[in-house]
Structure formats: C-alpha cells, structure tokens
N, C-alpha and C. Protein backbone atom coordinates (compact mmCIF):
# COMPACT_ATOMS: atom_id res chain seq x y z
N MET A 1 0.82 -32.08 -2.97
CA MET A 1 0.89 -30.75 -2.38
C MET A 1 2.26 -30.11 -2.62
N MET A 2 3.30 -30.94 -2.71
CA MET A 2 4.64 -30.41 -2.96
C MET A 2 4.67 -29.66 -4.29
N THR A 3 4.07 -30.24 -5.31
CA THR A 3 4.05 -29.60 -6.63
C THR A 3 3.35 -28.26 -6.57
N ILE A 4 2.20 -28.21 -5.93
CA ILE A 4 1.43 -26.96 -5.85
C ILE A 4 2.20 -25.92 -5.05
N GLY A 5 2.80 -26.31 -3.93
CA GLY A 5 3.59 -25.38 -3.14
C GLY A 5 4.76 -24.80 -3.91
N LEU A 6 5.46 -25.65 -4.66
CA LEU A 6 6.58 -25.17 -5.47
C LEU A 6 6.10 -24.25 -6.59
N LEU A 7 4.95 -24.57 -7.19
CA LEU A 7 4.40 -23.70 -8.23
C LEU A 7 4.01 -22.33 -7.68
N VAL A 8 3.43 -22.30 -6.50
CA VAL A 8 3.07 -21.02 -5.88
C VAL A 8 4.33 -20.21 -5.61
N ALA A 9 5.34 -20.84 -5.00
CA ALA A 9 6.58 -20.13 -4.69
C ALA A 9 7.27 -19.63 -5.96
N SER A 10 7.32 -20.47 -6.99
CA SER A 10 7.98 -20.05 -8.22
C SER A 10 7.24 -18.88 -8.86
N ASN A 11 5.92 -18.88 -8.78
CA ASN A 11 5.15 -17.78 -9.36
C ASN A 11 5.30 -16.48 -8.58
N LEU A 12 5.53 -16.57 -7.29
CA LEU A 12 5.82 -15.35 -6.53
C LEU A 12 7.11 -14.71 -7.05
N PHE A 13 8.14 -15.52 -7.26
CA PHE A 13 9.39 -14.99 -7.79
C PHE A 13 9.20 -14.42 -9.20
N MET A 14 8.51 -15.16 -10.05
CA MET A 14 8.37 -14.71 -11.43
C MET A 14 7.53 -13.45 -11.54
N THR A 15 6.52 -13.34 -10.73
CA THR A 15 5.70 -12.12 -10.76
C THR A 15 6.53 -10.91 -10.38
N PHE A 16 7.37 -11.06 -9.35
CA PHE A 16 8.26 -9.94 -8.99
C PHE A 16 9.28 -9.67 -10.08
N ALA A 17 9.79 -10.73 -10.72
CA ALA A 17 10.76 -10.54 -11.79
C ALA A 17 10.15 -9.77 -12.96
N TRP A 18 8.93 -10.11 -13.32
CA TRP A 18 8.30 -9.50 -14.48
C TRP A 18 7.65 -8.15 -14.20
N TYR A 19 7.11 -7.97 -12.99
CA TYR A 19 6.30 -6.77 -12.74
C TYR A 19 6.77 -5.92 -11.56
N GLY A 20 7.67 -6.40 -10.76
CA GLY A 20 8.12 -5.65 -9.58
C GLY A 20 8.76 -4.32 -9.91
N HIS A 21 9.39 -4.25 -11.06
CA HIS A 21 10.08 -3.02 -11.46
C HIS A 21 9.12 -1.89 -11.85
N LEU A 22 7.85 -2.18 -12.00
CA LEU A 22 6.91 -1.15 -12.43
C LEU A 22 6.80 0.00 -11.42
N LYS A 23 7.16 -0.27 -10.17
CA LYS A 23 7.17 0.80 -9.16
C LYS A 23 8.42 1.66 -9.25
N TYR A 24 9.39 1.23 -10.04
CA TYR A 24 10.68 1.93 -10.13
C TYR A 24 10.93 2.38 -11.57
N ARG A 25 10.05 3.21 -12.06
CA ARG A 25 10.10 3.66 -13.45
C ARG A 25 11.32 4.51 -13.76
N ASP A 26 11.97 5.08 -12.73
CA ASP A 26 13.14 5.93 -12.96
C ASP A 26 14.44 5.13 -13.02
N THR A 27 14.38 3.85 -12.72
CA THR A 27 15.57 3.00 -12.79
C THR A 27 15.82 2.62 -14.25
N ALA A 28 17.08 2.61 -14.63
CA ALA A 28 17.45 2.30 -16.02
C ALA A 28 16.96 0.90 -16.40
N LEU A 29 16.53 0.77 -17.64
CA LEU A 29 15.97 -0.49 -18.11
C LEU A 29 16.98 -1.64 -18.00
N TRP A 30 18.23 -1.39 -18.33
CA TRP A 30 19.23 -2.46 -18.25
C TRP A 30 19.39 -2.96 -16.82
N GLN A 31 19.22 -2.07 -15.85
CA GLN A 31 19.33 -2.48 -14.44
C GLN A 31 18.16 -3.36 -14.02
N VAL A 32 16.96 -2.98 -14.42
CA VAL A 32 15.81 -3.81 -14.03
C VAL A 32 15.84 -5.15 -14.76
N ILE A 33 16.40 -5.18 -15.97
CA ILE A 33 16.53 -6.45 -16.68
C ILE A 33 17.48 -7.38 -15.92
N LEU A 34 18.61 -6.85 -15.46
CA LEU A 34 19.56 -7.68 -14.71
C LEU A 34 18.97 -8.17 -13.40
N VAL A 35 18.26 -7.31 -12.70
CA VAL A 35 17.62 -7.71 -11.44
C VAL A 35 16.55 -8.77 -11.73
N ALA A 36 15.77 -8.56 -12.78
CA ALA A 36 14.72 -9.53 -13.14
C ALA A 36 15.33 -10.89 -13.48
N TRP A 37 16.45 -10.92 -14.19
CA TRP A 37 17.12 -12.19 -14.48
C TRP A 37 17.54 -12.88 -13.20
N GLY A 38 18.08 -12.10 -12.27
CA GLY A 38 18.49 -12.68 -10.99
C GLY A 38 17.33 -13.28 -10.21
N ILE A 39 16.21 -12.59 -10.22
CA ILE A 39 15.02 -13.09 -9.53
C ILE A 39 14.47 -14.32 -10.26
N ALA A 40 14.47 -14.27 -11.60
CA ALA A 40 13.93 -15.38 -12.39
C ALA A 40 14.73 -16.66 -12.19
N PHE A 41 16.01 -16.56 -11.88
CA PHE A 41 16.80 -17.75 -11.61
C PHE A 41 16.16 -18.58 -10.50
N PHE A 42 15.72 -17.91 -9.43
CA PHE A 42 15.10 -18.62 -8.32
C PHE A 42 13.75 -19.21 -8.71
N GLU A 43 13.05 -18.52 -9.62
CA GLU A 43 11.79 -19.06 -10.12
C GLU A 43 12.04 -20.39 -10.82
N TYR A 44 13.07 -20.45 -11.66
CA TYR A 44 13.39 -21.69 -12.36
C TYR A 44 13.83 -22.79 -11.40
N CYS A 45 14.51 -22.41 -10.34
CA CYS A 45 14.95 -23.40 -9.34
C CYS A 45 13.76 -24.04 -8.62
N LEU A 46 12.60 -23.43 -8.68
CA LEU A 46 11.39 -23.98 -8.08
C LEU A 46 10.45 -24.59 -9.13
N GLN A 47 10.36 -23.94 -10.28
CA GLN A 47 9.43 -24.38 -11.33
C GLN A 47 9.84 -25.73 -11.91
N VAL A 48 11.12 -25.90 -12.21
CA VAL A 48 11.58 -27.15 -12.82
C VAL A 48 11.34 -28.34 -11.88
N PRO A 49 11.72 -28.25 -10.59
CA PRO A 49 11.39 -29.38 -9.70
C PRO A 49 9.89 -29.61 -9.54
N ALA A 50 9.10 -28.54 -9.54
CA ALA A 50 7.64 -28.70 -9.41
C ALA A 50 7.11 -29.56 -10.55
N ASN A 51 7.54 -29.26 -11.76
CA ASN A 51 7.09 -30.04 -12.91
C ASN A 51 7.66 -31.45 -12.89
N ARG A 52 8.90 -31.59 -12.48
CA ARG A 52 9.53 -32.92 -12.44
C ARG A 52 8.83 -33.80 -11.41
N ILE A 53 8.54 -33.24 -10.24
CA ILE A 53 7.86 -34.00 -9.18
C ILE A 53 6.42 -34.31 -9.56
N GLY A 54 5.75 -33.32 -10.15
CA GLY A 54 4.32 -33.47 -10.44
C GLY A 54 3.99 -34.32 -11.65
N TYR A 55 4.94 -34.41 -12.60
CA TYR A 55 4.65 -35.15 -13.83
C TYR A 55 4.57 -36.64 -13.53
N GLY A 56 3.49 -37.25 -13.92
CA GLY A 56 3.22 -38.64 -13.60
C GLY A 56 2.00 -38.72 -12.70
N MET A 57 2.00 -37.86 -11.68
CA MET A 57 0.80 -37.71 -10.86
C MET A 57 -0.21 -36.87 -11.64
N PHE A 58 0.31 -35.90 -12.39
CA PHE A 58 -0.50 -35.04 -13.26
C PHE A 58 0.03 -35.16 -14.68
N THR A 59 -0.82 -34.90 -15.66
CA THR A 59 -0.36 -34.85 -17.04
C THR A 59 0.31 -33.49 -17.27
N ALA A 60 1.00 -33.35 -18.38
CA ALA A 60 1.63 -32.07 -18.71
C ALA A 60 0.57 -30.97 -18.85
N ALA A 61 -0.57 -31.31 -19.46
CA ALA A 61 -1.65 -30.33 -19.62
C ALA A 61 -2.20 -29.90 -18.26
N GLN A 62 -2.36 -30.84 -17.35
CA GLN A 62 -2.85 -30.50 -16.01
C GLN A 62 -1.84 -29.62 -15.28
N LEU A 63 -0.56 -29.93 -15.40
CA LEU A 63 0.47 -29.09 -14.76
C LEU A 63 0.43 -27.67 -15.32
N LYS A 64 0.26 -27.55 -16.62
CA LYS A 64 0.25 -26.22 -17.25
C LYS A 64 -0.97 -25.42 -16.82
N ILE A 65 -2.13 -26.04 -16.80
CA ILE A 65 -3.34 -25.32 -16.37
C ILE A 65 -3.22 -24.91 -14.91
N MET A 66 -2.70 -25.81 -14.05
CA MET A 66 -2.49 -25.45 -12.64
C MET A 66 -1.56 -24.25 -12.54
N GLN A 67 -0.48 -24.28 -13.31
CA GLN A 67 0.50 -23.20 -13.27
C GLN A 67 -0.14 -21.88 -13.71
N GLU A 68 -0.96 -21.92 -14.73
CA GLU A 68 -1.61 -20.69 -15.22
C GLU A 68 -2.59 -20.13 -14.19
N VAL A 69 -3.36 -20.99 -13.57
CA VAL A 69 -4.32 -20.53 -12.55
C VAL A 69 -3.55 -19.95 -11.36
N ILE A 70 -2.52 -20.65 -10.91
CA ILE A 70 -1.71 -20.14 -9.80
C ILE A 70 -1.08 -18.80 -10.17
N THR A 71 -0.58 -18.69 -11.40
CA THR A 71 0.02 -17.44 -11.86
C THR A 71 -0.96 -16.29 -11.75
N LEU A 72 -2.18 -16.51 -12.19
CA LEU A 72 -3.16 -15.42 -12.18
C LEU A 72 -3.65 -15.09 -10.77
N VAL A 73 -3.74 -16.08 -9.90
CA VAL A 73 -4.10 -15.81 -8.50
C VAL A 73 -2.99 -15.01 -7.83
N VAL A 74 -1.75 -15.44 -8.03
CA VAL A 74 -0.61 -14.71 -7.46
C VAL A 74 -0.57 -13.29 -8.02
N PHE A 75 -0.76 -13.16 -9.33
CA PHE A 75 -0.72 -11.83 -9.95
C PHE A 75 -1.84 -10.94 -9.44
N ALA A 76 -3.04 -11.49 -9.23
CA ALA A 76 -4.14 -10.68 -8.71
C ALA A 76 -3.78 -10.11 -7.35
N GLY A 77 -3.23 -10.94 -6.47
CA GLY A 77 -2.80 -10.44 -5.16
C GLY A 77 -1.69 -9.43 -5.29
N PHE A 78 -0.74 -9.68 -6.15
CA PHE A 78 0.39 -8.76 -6.38
C PHE A 78 -0.11 -7.41 -6.88
N SER A 79 -1.02 -7.43 -7.86
CA SER A 79 -1.49 -6.17 -8.42
C SER A 79 -2.28 -5.35 -7.40
N VAL A 80 -2.98 -6.03 -6.50
CA VAL A 80 -3.75 -5.31 -5.48
C VAL A 80 -2.83 -4.81 -4.37
N PHE A 81 -2.03 -5.70 -3.80
CA PHE A 81 -1.25 -5.36 -2.61
C PHE A 81 0.07 -4.66 -2.90
N TYR A 82 0.70 -4.93 -4.03
CA TYR A 82 1.99 -4.30 -4.33
C TYR A 82 1.84 -3.09 -5.24
N LEU A 83 1.03 -3.24 -6.30
CA LEU A 83 0.87 -2.15 -7.25
C LEU A 83 -0.29 -1.22 -6.91
N GLY A 84 -1.16 -1.65 -5.99
CA GLY A 84 -2.28 -0.79 -5.57
C GLY A 84 -3.40 -0.70 -6.59
N GLU A 85 -3.51 -1.67 -7.48
CA GLU A 85 -4.58 -1.66 -8.46
C GLU A 85 -5.82 -2.33 -7.88
N GLN A 86 -6.95 -2.12 -8.54
CA GLN A 86 -8.21 -2.71 -8.07
C GLN A 86 -8.64 -3.85 -8.99
N LEU A 87 -9.23 -4.88 -8.39
CA LEU A 87 -9.84 -5.93 -9.19
C LEU A 87 -11.25 -5.49 -9.55
N ARG A 88 -11.69 -5.86 -10.74
CA ARG A 88 -13.00 -5.45 -11.22
C ARG A 88 -13.82 -6.68 -11.62
N TRP A 89 -15.06 -6.46 -12.00
CA TRP A 89 -15.96 -7.57 -12.32
C TRP A 89 -15.42 -8.41 -13.47
N ASN A 90 -14.77 -7.78 -14.46
CA ASN A 90 -14.28 -8.55 -15.59
C ASN A 90 -13.13 -9.47 -15.21
N HIS A 91 -12.40 -9.13 -14.15
CA HIS A 91 -11.37 -10.03 -13.65
C HIS A 91 -12.02 -11.28 -13.04
N ALA A 92 -13.13 -11.09 -12.34
CA ALA A 92 -13.86 -12.23 -11.78
C ALA A 92 -14.43 -13.10 -12.90
N ALA A 93 -14.92 -12.48 -13.96
CA ALA A 93 -15.44 -13.25 -15.09
C ALA A 93 -14.33 -14.07 -15.74
N ALA A 94 -13.16 -13.50 -15.88
CA ALA A 94 -12.01 -14.23 -16.43
C ALA A 94 -11.63 -15.39 -15.51
N ALA A 95 -11.69 -15.18 -14.21
CA ALA A 95 -11.38 -16.24 -13.24
C ALA A 95 -12.36 -17.40 -13.39
N LEU A 96 -13.62 -17.09 -13.63
CA LEU A 96 -14.61 -18.16 -13.85
C LEU A 96 -14.29 -18.96 -15.11
N CYS A 97 -13.79 -18.30 -16.13
CA CYS A 97 -13.37 -19.03 -17.34
C CYS A 97 -12.22 -19.97 -17.02
N LEU A 98 -11.32 -19.54 -16.15
CA LEU A 98 -10.22 -20.41 -15.75
C LEU A 98 -10.70 -21.62 -14.96
N VAL A 99 -11.73 -21.42 -14.14
CA VAL A 99 -12.32 -22.55 -13.42
C VAL A 99 -12.84 -23.57 -14.43
N GLY A 100 -13.42 -23.07 -15.51
CA GLY A 100 -13.87 -23.97 -16.57
C GLY A 100 -12.71 -24.71 -17.21
N ALA A 101 -11.60 -24.03 -17.44
CA ALA A 101 -10.42 -24.69 -18.00
C ALA A 101 -9.91 -25.79 -17.08
N VAL A 102 -9.89 -25.50 -15.79
CA VAL A 102 -9.46 -26.52 -14.81
C VAL A 102 -10.40 -27.71 -14.85
N TYR A 103 -11.68 -27.45 -14.88
CA TYR A 103 -12.67 -28.54 -14.92
C TYR A 103 -12.42 -29.43 -16.12
N PHE A 104 -12.29 -28.81 -17.30
CA PHE A 104 -12.17 -29.60 -18.51
C PHE A 104 -10.85 -30.37 -18.60
N VAL A 105 -9.77 -29.80 -18.10
CA VAL A 105 -8.49 -30.51 -18.20
C VAL A 105 -8.38 -31.65 -17.18
N PHE A 106 -9.11 -31.54 -16.07
CA PHE A 106 -9.03 -32.58 -15.04
C PHE A 106 -10.15 -33.62 -15.16
N MET A 107 -11.17 -33.37 -16.00
CA MET A 107 -12.25 -34.34 -16.12
C MET A 107 -11.76 -35.59 -16.85
N LYS A 108 -12.36 -36.70 -16.53
CA LYS A 108 -12.01 -37.97 -17.17
C LYS A 108 -12.54 -37.98 -18.60
N PRO A 109 -11.72 -38.44 -19.55
CA PRO A 109 -12.17 -38.45 -20.95
C PRO A 109 -13.30 -39.45 -21.17
C-alpha cells in the first residue's frame, strides 16, 4: 500500500506541474516552466521512493502499468474538477483498455 500511496501522491504533483498552468494562459511561459520544475521536484521525491520500495514486491513492468493507471485516474479527476472538462464515453472505453493492460501484466505467465 505504501507504493500505491506514494504513486498517487507523486502523480498529484506531476499533474499540477504539467497541466496546472493551463488556467493561467496570461502568465509568461518561462514563469510557468520554473513553477512546474519546482512542483516536479516534489513528484520525484515521491516517485523514486515508490519505485524503490515497490520493486521486488512488483516487477518493473507492474510498477509502470500501475503508475500509468494511477496517472490517468488522477488526470481524469484533475481535468473534471480543476479544468472543468467533461469525461465522455471514449474516456471510459480507454479506461477499459487499461484494465486489460493491468490484467495482462499481473497475470501469471
């Protein structure tokens, strides 16, 4: 659970670093880049330990798939609640494809 919690927290930081500035289109690009770097630092402070702790319990492929699924779940919430965008049927279809990816990476060979 520690690995998953750290991955969720790191993805919250990274989502804000990459997309939070979209609400501030009038801010100079160099300024949003500097702010994004500052936010991304905290993402790395969580992501690296998550992978270090989780590796061995999970394979590298399993860690990566978990991270991608968490990223997209966090981003879906961010886009709805922060950016005010709507989720549509094709987003749900893409999520089902990710469930398939999780199934295949975690199934026993």
